[in-house]
């Protein structure tokens, strides 16, 4: 099996194979859903996701705060088709 061969390359780097459950599969930060004749892609967050980001009144530089917002916005726009 190719997965076994890949995992033998470096013991510190291990891959796993995901399978579809109820016509859905999670891949990186997306939830891919297979429907009758189409595929929908949605933003996926793990159940342990707290939604915590840098608070507006924190002592972080303003540029970091703006970057966090822009990255989250871009991720949401690029990974969904809704």
Protein backbone atom coordinates (compact mmCIF):
# COMPACT_ATOMS: atom_id res chain seq x y z
CA UNK A 1 0.00 0.00 0.00
CA UNK A 2 1.33 3.43 -0.92
CA UNK A 3 0.36 4.98 2.44
CA UNK A 4 2.55 2.48 4.27
CA UNK A 5 5.50 3.22 1.96
CA UNK A 6 5.12 6.98 2.45
CA UNK A 7 5.00 6.58 6.23
CA UNK A 8 8.22 4.52 6.16
CA UNK A 9 10.19 7.46 4.75
CA UNK A 10 10.39 9.31 8.08
CA UNK A 11 8.98 8.07 11.39
CA UNK A 12 8.47 11.68 12.53
CA UNK A 13 6.21 12.42 9.57
CA UNK A 14 3.15 10.19 9.43
CA UNK A 15 0.17 10.46 7.11
CA UNK A 16 -3.29 9.01 7.56
CA UNK A 17 -6.05 8.25 5.11
CA UNK A 18 -9.46 9.82 5.65
CA UNK A 19 -12.64 8.24 4.40
CA UNK A 20 -15.98 9.75 3.55
CA UNK A 21 -18.72 9.64 6.20
CA UNK A 22 -22.31 10.53 5.31
CA UNK A 23 -21.14 11.94 1.95
CA UNK A 24 -18.74 14.36 3.68
CA UNK A 25 -15.02 14.52 4.26
CA UNK A 26 -12.89 17.07 6.11
CA UNK A 27 -9.78 18.25 4.33
CA UNK A 28 -7.61 20.90 5.93
CA UNK A 29 -10.04 23.66 6.87
CA UNK A 30 -12.81 22.61 4.49
CA UNK A 31 -15.83 20.36 4.71
CA UNK A 32 -16.47 18.79 1.33
CA UNK A 33 -19.99 17.46 0.83
CA UNK A 34 -21.01 15.25 -2.10
CA UNK A 35 -24.61 15.70 -3.11
CA UNK A 36 -26.58 14.20 -6.01
CA UNK A 37 -24.83 15.97 -8.90
CA UNK A 38 -22.66 18.51 -7.12
CA UNK A 39 -20.03 19.12 -4.50
CA UNK A 40 -20.31 21.85 -1.89
CA UNK A 41 -17.37 23.24 0.03
CA UNK A 42 -17.76 24.89 3.41
CA UNK A 43 -15.41 26.24 6.03
CA UNK A 44 -14.70 23.53 8.62
CA UNK A 45 -13.65 24.03 12.21
CA UNK A 46 -12.80 21.22 14.57
CA UNK A 47 -15.20 20.68 17.49
CA UNK A 48 -12.43 21.93 19.80
CA UNK A 49 -12.25 25.28 17.96
CA UNK A 50 -12.85 28.09 20.45
CA UNK A 51 -13.03 30.97 17.99
CA UNK A 52 -10.45 32.87 20.00
CA UNK A 53 -8.45 35.43 18.05
CA UNK A 54 -6.52 38.52 19.07
CA UNK A 55 -8.81 40.81 21.04
CA UNK A 56 -9.20 44.35 19.68
CA UNK A 57 -8.00 45.91 22.96
CA UNK A 58 -4.98 43.59 23.35
CA UNK A 59 -1.46 44.94 23.37
CA UNK A 60 -0.63 43.45 19.95
CA UNK A 61 0.42 45.84 17.19
CA UNK A 62 -2.49 47.08 15.09
CA UNK A 63 -0.94 45.49 11.98
CA UNK A 64 -1.19 42.02 13.56
CA UNK A 65 -4.82 42.57 14.50
CA UNK A 66 -5.68 43.67 10.97
CA UNK A 67 -3.75 40.73 9.47
CA UNK A 68 -5.68 38.20 11.58
CA UNK A 69 -8.97 39.66 10.40
CA UNK A 70 -7.86 39.72 6.74
CA UNK A 71 -6.56 36.12 6.84
CA UNK A 72 -9.80 34.82 8.41
CA UNK A 73 -11.88 36.76 5.90
CA UNK A 74 -9.80 35.57 2.94
CA UNK A 75 -9.96 31.98 4.18
CA UNK A 76 -13.74 32.13 4.49
CA UNK A 77 -14.12 33.64 1.02
CA UNK A 78 -11.71 31.23 -0.69
CA UNK A 79 -12.91 27.98 0.88
CA UNK A 80 -16.65 28.29 0.51
CA UNK A 81 -18.93 28.33 -2.49
CA UNK A 82 -21.92 29.83 -0.64
